[in-house]
Amino acid sequence: MNQHKAGSPSPTQPRKDHRNSHKVSQRGLLSLAMLLISMGGLGIAALGGVKIVFDILREKPDSSISIVFVQIIVIGLAYVVGWFTAMVAIRVYGNLVLPILIKLSAWACLVAVCYLYVEILKRMYAQPDELTRFIKYLVVMAGGLAALVGLHLIIEDHDLRPFSIPILLISLVQLGLIVFRYVFDTEGVKPGFLWKDLVFFFSMITVSVAMLAHWGILEPFRTRLTNYFDRNSTSIRTQD
């Protein structure tokens, strides 16, 4: 055995590089930056969506269909930026905070959709004549449902079925209102309005049943997203 003699100098111990121990992780910084960008984009889209909804519900006179479509396009741009950065932050950089925020955002979006649905039913019961108003109702409801489904796609193995139950219950309430309006409350009823009631009802009941039955309509798209990030995640993220 090789032992050091008394009085002989001890071997030099390697010094720790304190500079490396305090080095900030680029991967962590990018994950944090994407969290802020994603929530910022989704937040801007949410604020814009609330503004459109209240303009339509208040029947603002300058809220024409063309303006509504332009507003939806720019809000959709903010939503896409937030949606894509959230996907990268979660599936590439493994951000653990963002999935919790996205789940909370999905429930908040469901509350907003249900509120919008109820408010639209209250206005449709009066059977307004303007076709443009009905188109606006369809457009904003479709936008709210699309936002909800988009949030669902961000998180892997996220179950959309619980979100379908409130929408399904409100759809059944709508069915009851349709029967009551055309059978019992017939004073001033407009038979020509029935097609609008049926279009809105069947659209919402189809969406809610598809969510509840879990038919897997979105699975091909979800699988493509998962495969894409599985193939490219190592080349996208930084190594430190």
Protein backbone atom coordinates (compact mmCIF):
# COMPACT_ATOMS: atom_id res chain seq x y z
CA MET A 1 0.00 0.00 0.00
CA ASN A 2 1.26 3.44 -0.92
CA GLN A 3 1.07 5.71 2.12
CA HIS A 4 2.36 9.24 2.42
CA LYS A 5 5.30 9.71 4.75
CA ALA A 6 5.01 12.00 7.75
CA GLY A 7 5.88 15.54 6.84
CA SER A 8 5.47 14.93 3.15
CA PRO A 9 3.12 17.34 1.36
CA SER A 10 -0.43 16.08 0.98
CA PRO A 11 -1.74 15.58 -2.50
CA THR A 12 -3.42 18.57 -4.06
CA GLN A 13 -7.22 18.40 -3.77
CA PRO A 14 -9.24 19.54 -6.77
CA ARG A 15 -10.86 22.87 -6.25
CA LYS A 16 -14.57 23.24 -6.78
CA ASP A 17 -15.56 25.62 -9.52
CA HIS A 18 -17.94 27.94 -7.71
CA ARG A 19 -18.67 29.74 -10.94
CA ASN A 20 -20.35 26.64 -12.41
CA SER A 21 -22.30 25.95 -9.23
CA HIS A 22 -23.92 29.39 -9.42
CA LYS A 23 -24.51 29.28 -13.16
CA VAL A 24 -28.14 29.96 -14.16
CA SER A 25 -29.76 27.16 -16.14
CA GLN A 26 -30.75 28.29 -19.62
CA ARG A 27 -33.32 25.52 -19.72
CA GLY A 28 -34.96 26.84 -16.55
CA LEU A 29 -34.95 30.39 -17.86
CA LEU A 30 -36.54 29.31 -21.13
CA SER A 31 -39.17 27.32 -19.28
CA LEU A 32 -40.01 30.34 -17.12
CA ALA A 33 -40.06 32.67 -20.12
CA MET A 34 -42.44 30.35 -22.00
CA LEU A 35 -44.69 30.13 -18.96
CA LEU A 36 -44.97 33.92 -18.87
CA ILE A 37 -45.49 34.18 -22.64
CA SER A 38 -48.09 31.43 -22.73
CA MET A 39 -50.13 32.78 -19.83
CA GLY A 40 -49.77 36.28 -21.23
CA GLY A 41 -51.06 35.22 -24.65
CA LEU A 42 -53.92 33.19 -23.19
CA GLY A 43 -54.77 36.01 -20.80
CA ILE A 44 -54.91 38.58 -23.60
CA ALA A 45 -57.12 36.23 -25.62
CA ALA A 46 -59.41 35.73 -22.62
CA LEU A 47 -59.79 39.47 -22.05
CA GLY A 48 -60.53 40.02 -25.73
CA GLY A 49 -63.08 37.22 -25.72
CA VAL A 50 -64.87 38.68 -22.70
CA LYS A 51 -65.04 42.04 -24.47
CA ILE A 52 -66.60 40.49 -27.58
CA VAL A 53 -69.11 38.50 -25.54
CA PHE A 54 -70.33 41.54 -23.61
CA ASP A 55 -70.55 43.61 -26.78
CA ILE A 56 -72.75 40.97 -28.39
CA LEU A 57 -74.90 40.38 -25.32
CA ARG A 58 -75.43 44.13 -24.88
CA GLU A 59 -76.36 44.26 -28.60
CA LYS A 60 -73.83 46.97 -29.30
CA PRO A 61 -74.91 48.62 -32.58
CA ASP A 62 -71.42 48.91 -34.09
CA SER A 63 -70.70 45.22 -33.52
CA SER A 64 -71.27 43.99 -37.08
CA ILE A 65 -70.48 40.47 -38.23
CA SER A 66 -67.41 41.62 -40.16
CA ILE A 67 -66.02 43.37 -37.07
CA VAL A 68 -66.73 40.30 -34.94
CA PHE A 69 -64.83 38.07 -37.38
CA VAL A 70 -61.85 40.47 -37.39
CA GLN A 71 -61.87 40.55 -33.60
CA ILE A 72 -61.93 36.77 -33.44
CA ILE A 73 -58.97 36.56 -35.83
CA VAL A 74 -56.76 38.83 -33.73
CA ILE A 75 -57.85 37.16 -30.51
CA GLY A 76 -57.16 33.79 -32.10
CA LEU A 77 -53.63 34.95 -32.91
CA ALA A 78 -52.98 35.75 -29.24
CA TYR A 79 -54.49 32.41 -28.27
CA VAL A 80 -52.31 30.47 -30.71
CA VAL A 81 -49.16 32.15 -29.38
CA GLY A 82 -50.09 31.24 -25.82
CA TRP A 83 -51.20 27.73 -26.82
CA PHE A 84 -48.02 26.89 -28.74
CA THR A 85 -45.63 28.22 -26.11
CA ALA A 86 -47.54 26.29 -23.45
CA MET A 87 -47.14 23.11 -25.50
CA VAL A 88 -43.38 23.67 -25.81
CA ALA A 89 -42.97 24.58 -22.14
CA ILE A 90 -44.79 21.45 -20.96
CA ARG A 91 -43.78 18.83 -23.51
CA VAL A 92 -40.22 19.96 -24.23
CA TYR A 93 -39.01 21.67 -21.06
CA GLY A 94 -41.16 19.72 -18.60
CA ASN A 95 -42.64 22.77 -16.87
CA LEU A 96 -44.54 21.53 -13.79
CA VAL A 97 -46.42 24.71 -12.92
CA LEU A 98 -48.02 25.36 -16.29
CA PRO A 99 -50.19 22.19 -16.37
CA ILE A 100 -51.83 23.31 -13.13
CA LEU A 101 -52.50 26.77 -14.57
CA ILE A 102 -53.85 25.29 -17.80
CA LYS A 103 -56.25 23.04 -15.88
CA LEU A 104 -57.51 26.02 -13.90
CA SER A 105 -57.85 27.98 -17.13
CA ALA A 106 -59.88 25.15 -18.67
CA TRP A 107 -62.35 25.20 -15.77
CA ALA A 108 -62.58 29.00 -16.00
CA CYS A 109 -63.24 28.67 -19.74
CA LEU A 110 -66.00 26.13 -19.03
CA VAL A 111 -67.65 28.55 -16.59
CA ALA A 112 -67.50 31.29 -19.23
CA VAL A 113 -69.00 28.97 -21.89
CA CYS A 114 -71.86 27.96 -19.59
CA TYR A 115 -72.56 31.59 -18.69
CA LEU A 116 -72.57 32.53 -22.37
CA TYR A 117 -74.88 29.62 -23.18
CA VAL A 118 -77.41 30.67 -20.53
CA GLU A 119 -77.34 34.31 -21.61
CA ILE A 120 -77.87 33.35 -25.24
CA LEU A 121 -80.84 31.16 -24.30
CA LYS A 122 -82.43 34.07 -22.43
CA ARG A 123 -82.17 36.23 -25.55
CA MET A 124 -83.27 33.54 -27.97
CA TYR A 125 -86.42 32.94 -25.93
CA ALA A 126 -87.56 36.40 -27.03
CA GLN A 127 -87.08 35.24 -30.65
CA PRO A 128 -85.28 38.27 -32.16
CA ASP A 129 -85.77 38.66 -35.91
CA GLU A 130 -82.19 39.63 -36.86
CA LEU A 131 -80.32 36.79 -38.53
CA THR A 132 -77.03 38.58 -37.90
CA ARG A 133 -77.56 38.39 -34.15
CA PHE A 134 -78.11 34.64 -34.35
CA ILE A 135 -74.93 34.24 -36.40
CA LYS A 136 -73.01 36.18 -33.75
CA TYR A 137 -74.34 33.83 -31.08
CA LEU A 138 -73.13 30.84 -33.06
CA VAL A 139 -69.72 32.38 -33.71
CA VAL A 140 -68.94 33.36 -30.12
CA MET A 141 -70.16 30.01 -28.79
CA ALA A 142 -68.03 28.15 -31.31
CA GLY A 143 -65.05 30.30 -30.27
CA GLY A 144 -65.58 29.50 -26.59
CA LEU A 145 -65.83 25.77 -27.25
CA ALA A 146 -62.75 25.86 -29.49
CA ALA A 147 -60.78 27.59 -26.73
CA LEU A 148 -61.87 24.92 -24.25
CA VAL A 149 -60.86 22.07 -26.56
CA GLY A 150 -57.54 23.77 -27.28
CA LEU A 151 -56.70 23.91 -23.58
CA HIS A 152 -57.65 20.25 -23.33
CA LEU A 153 -55.13 19.34 -26.04
CA ILE A 154 -52.20 21.01 -24.29
CA ILE A 155 -52.06 18.48 -21.45
CA GLU A 156 -51.48 14.82 -22.18
CA ASP A 157 -54.13 12.35 -20.94
CA HIS A 158 -56.47 15.20 -19.99
CA ASP A 159 -60.07 13.97 -19.64
CA LEU A 160 -62.67 16.17 -21.30
CA ARG A 161 -65.70 14.16 -20.15
CA PRO A 162 -66.33 16.04 -16.87
CA PHE A 163 -66.50 19.27 -18.86
CA SER A 164 -69.36 17.92 -20.96
CA ILE A 165 -71.81 17.44 -18.10
CA PRO A 166 -72.66 21.14 -17.44
CA ILE A 167 -73.04 21.80 -21.18
CA LEU A 168 -75.26 18.74 -21.53
CA LEU A 169 -77.47 19.85 -18.63
CA ILE A 170 -77.91 23.31 -20.14
CA SER A 171 -78.75 21.68 -23.49
CA LEU A 172 -81.54 19.76 -21.78
CA VAL A 173 -82.78 23.01 -20.26
CA GLN A 174 -82.80 24.49 -23.75
CA LEU A 175 -84.91 21.58 -24.97
CA GLY A 176 -87.39 22.26 -22.20
CA LEU A 177 -87.50 25.94 -23.10
CA ILE A 178 -88.16 25.09 -26.76
CA VAL A 179 -91.08 22.85 -25.84
CA PHE A 180 -92.47 25.40 -23.38
CA ARG A 181 -92.18 28.27 -25.86
CA TYR A 182 -93.92 26.56 -28.75
CA VAL A 183 -96.50 24.56 -26.77
CA PHE A 184 -97.40 26.52 -23.61
CA ASP A 185 -96.20 30.11 -24.04
CA THR A 186 -97.65 30.63 -27.51
CA GLU A 187 -98.47 34.33 -27.22
CA GLY A 188 -96.43 36.17 -29.83
CA VAL A 189 -94.55 33.01 -30.81
CA LYS A 190 -92.80 33.03 -34.19
CA PRO A 191 -92.92 29.62 -35.90
CA GLY A 192 -90.21 30.70 -38.33
CA PHE A 193 -87.76 31.00 -35.46
CA LEU A 194 -87.88 27.25 -34.80
CA TRP A 195 -85.04 26.44 -37.19
CA LYS A 196 -82.70 28.73 -35.25
CA ASP A 197 -83.64 27.02 -31.98
CA LEU A 198 -83.05 23.60 -33.50
CA VAL A 199 -79.72 24.54 -35.11
CA PHE A 200 -78.38 25.89 -31.83
CA PHE A 201 -79.75 22.99 -29.81
CA PHE A 202 -78.42 20.23 -32.06
CA SER A 203 -75.05 21.96 -32.33
CA MET A 204 -74.63 22.11 -28.56
CA ILE A 205 -76.03 18.65 -27.85
CA THR A 206 -73.73 17.15 -30.48
CA VAL A 207 -70.67 18.78 -28.93
CA SER A 208 -71.59 17.78 -25.38
CA VAL A 209 -72.41 14.18 -26.33
CA ALA A 210 -69.16 13.88 -28.31
CA MET A 211 -67.23 15.10 -25.26
CA LEU A 212 -69.10 12.77 -22.92
CA ALA A 213 -68.91 9.68 -25.14
CA HIS A 214 -65.17 10.18 -25.61
CA TRP A 215 -65.32 9.09 -29.25
CA GLY A 216 -61.68 9.96 -29.78
CA ILE A 217 -62.32 12.50 -32.54
CA LEU A 218 -59.32 14.51 -31.37
CA GLU A 219 -57.04 11.53 -30.77
CA PRO A 220 -55.37 11.57 -34.24
CA PHE A 221 -54.45 15.22 -33.80
CA ARG A 222 -53.28 14.65 -30.23
CA THR A 223 -51.19 11.68 -31.38
CA ARG A 224 -49.54 13.75 -34.10
CA LEU A 225 -48.67 16.44 -31.57
CA THR A 226 -47.21 13.89 -29.17
CA ASN A 227 -45.17 12.19 -31.88
CA TYR A 228 -43.85 15.53 -33.13
CA PHE A 229 -42.61 16.63 -29.73
CA ASP A 230 -41.22 13.16 -28.97
CA ARG A 231 -39.12 13.33 -32.14
CA ASN A 232 -37.96 16.92 -31.83
CA SER A 233 -37.86 17.69 -28.11
CA THR A 234 -34.13 16.90 -27.74
CA SER A 235 -33.20 19.17 -30.64
CA ILE A 236 -35.40 22.03 -29.41
CA ARG A 237 -34.39 22.28 -25.78
CA THR A 238 -31.01 23.37 -24.44
CA GLN A 239 -28.77 20.91 -22.62
CA ASP A 240 -27.97 22.96 -19.51
